[in-house]
């Protein structure tokens, strides 16, 4: 909302007062009309990519997961990093 018009004279002196009042209202009406014509940008919605079929892991990942699962059966506290190290050691031996 806009500010209220402050009168410099009492309401019983209607001549100059009324002209100022009407001019002020027209000015405010023009301002609000100007504001209404301004277009606002709307945010674009992000498009979702379709999930599609899941790709199977490559041979190395499957080998590491096999080593990890085997180590996990023996010891529940084994981390995936330990399995990676073990798989790397087995690969150097030629068991991969």
Protein backbone atom coordinates (compact mmCIF):
# COMPACT_ATOMS: atom_id res chain seq x y z
CA UNK A 1 0.00 0.00 0.00
CA UNK A 2 1.07 3.57 -0.53
CA UNK A 3 1.42 6.27 2.09
CA UNK A 4 -1.59 8.28 3.04
CA UNK A 5 -1.80 11.79 1.69
CA UNK A 6 -0.88 14.32 4.34
CA UNK A 7 -2.88 17.50 4.16
CA UNK A 8 -1.24 20.84 4.73
CA UNK A 9 -4.60 22.61 5.19
CA UNK A 10 -7.74 21.77 7.12
CA UNK A 11 -10.46 19.82 5.25
CA UNK A 12 -12.88 22.78 5.28
CA UNK A 13 -10.67 24.71 2.79
CA UNK A 14 -11.63 22.57 -0.21
CA UNK A 15 -10.18 24.56 -3.16
CA UNK A 16 -6.44 23.93 -3.40
CA UNK A 17 -6.68 21.02 -1.02
CA UNK A 18 -9.01 19.06 -3.31
CA UNK A 19 -6.81 19.64 -6.36
CA UNK A 20 -3.71 18.38 -4.52
CA UNK A 21 -5.65 15.37 -3.22
CA UNK A 22 -6.89 14.38 -6.69
CA UNK A 23 -3.46 14.89 -8.27
CA UNK A 24 -1.89 12.72 -5.59
CA UNK A 25 -4.43 9.92 -6.13
CA UNK A 26 -3.86 9.99 -9.90
CA UNK A 27 -0.11 9.78 -9.35
CA UNK A 28 -0.51 6.77 -7.05
CA UNK A 29 -2.92 5.09 -9.47
CA UNK A 30 -0.34 5.45 -12.27
CA UNK A 31 2.38 3.96 -10.10
CA UNK A 32 0.31 0.91 -9.20
CA UNK A 33 -0.73 0.42 -12.82
CA UNK A 34 2.93 0.54 -13.84
CA UNK A 35 3.79 -2.09 -11.28
CA UNK A 36 1.09 -4.43 -12.55
CA UNK A 37 2.48 -4.48 -16.09
CA UNK A 38 5.95 -5.65 -15.02
CA UNK A 39 6.46 -9.30 -15.91
CA UNK A 40 8.16 -11.43 -13.33
CA UNK A 41 10.46 -14.27 -14.18
CA UNK A 42 9.33 -17.70 -13.20
CA UNK A 43 11.76 -20.34 -12.10
CA UNK A 44 12.23 -23.25 -14.47
CA UNK A 45 11.36 -26.63 -13.14
CA UNK A 46 14.16 -29.14 -13.19
CA UNK A 47 13.42 -31.99 -15.55
CA UNK A 48 13.94 -35.46 -14.19
CA UNK A 49 16.09 -37.82 -16.11
CA UNK A 50 14.54 -41.21 -16.65
CA UNK A 51 16.07 -43.92 -14.51
CA UNK A 52 16.38 -46.46 -17.29
CA UNK A 53 17.93 -49.86 -16.83
CA UNK A 54 20.71 -50.17 -14.28
CA UNK A 55 24.07 -51.13 -15.69
CA UNK A 56 25.85 -54.11 -14.25
CA UNK A 57 29.21 -53.49 -12.60
CA UNK A 58 32.39 -54.15 -14.51
CA UNK A 59 34.54 -57.24 -13.88
CA UNK A 60 36.85 -55.51 -11.39
CA UNK A 61 33.97 -54.22 -9.25
CA UNK A 62 32.36 -57.66 -9.21
CA UNK A 63 35.68 -59.23 -8.25
CA UNK A 64 36.21 -56.74 -5.40
CA UNK A 65 32.65 -57.31 -4.14
CA UNK A 66 33.25 -61.07 -4.20
CA UNK A 67 36.44 -60.62 -2.16
CA UNK A 68 34.61 -58.26 0.22
CA UNK A 69 31.71 -60.67 0.76
CA UNK A 70 34.12 -63.55 1.36
CA UNK A 71 36.10 -61.52 3.90
CA UNK A 72 32.85 -60.33 5.53
CA UNK A 73 31.76 -63.94 6.14
CA UNK A 74 34.98 -64.60 8.05
CA UNK A 75 35.15 -61.29 9.95
CA UNK A 76 32.22 -58.86 10.32
CA UNK A 77 34.52 -55.90 11.12
CA UNK A 78 36.20 -55.86 7.68
CA UNK A 79 35.95 -52.60 5.73
CA UNK A 80 35.57 -52.20 1.97
CA UNK A 81 39.03 -50.57 1.86
CA UNK A 82 40.54 -53.77 3.26
CA UNK A 83 38.79 -55.75 0.52
CA UNK A 84 40.18 -53.38 -2.13
CA UNK A 85 43.72 -53.91 -0.82
CA UNK A 86 43.24 -57.68 -0.76
CA UNK A 87 41.77 -57.69 -4.28
CA UNK A 88 44.70 -55.61 -5.53
CA UNK A 89 47.14 -58.08 -3.92
CA UNK A 90 45.31 -61.01 -5.57
CA UNK A 91 45.38 -59.23 -8.94
CA UNK A 92 49.17 -58.80 -8.69
CA UNK A 93 49.48 -62.52 -8.00
CA UNK A 94 47.43 -63.19 -11.14
CA UNK A 95 44.30 -64.61 -9.52
CA UNK A 96 42.02 -61.97 -11.06
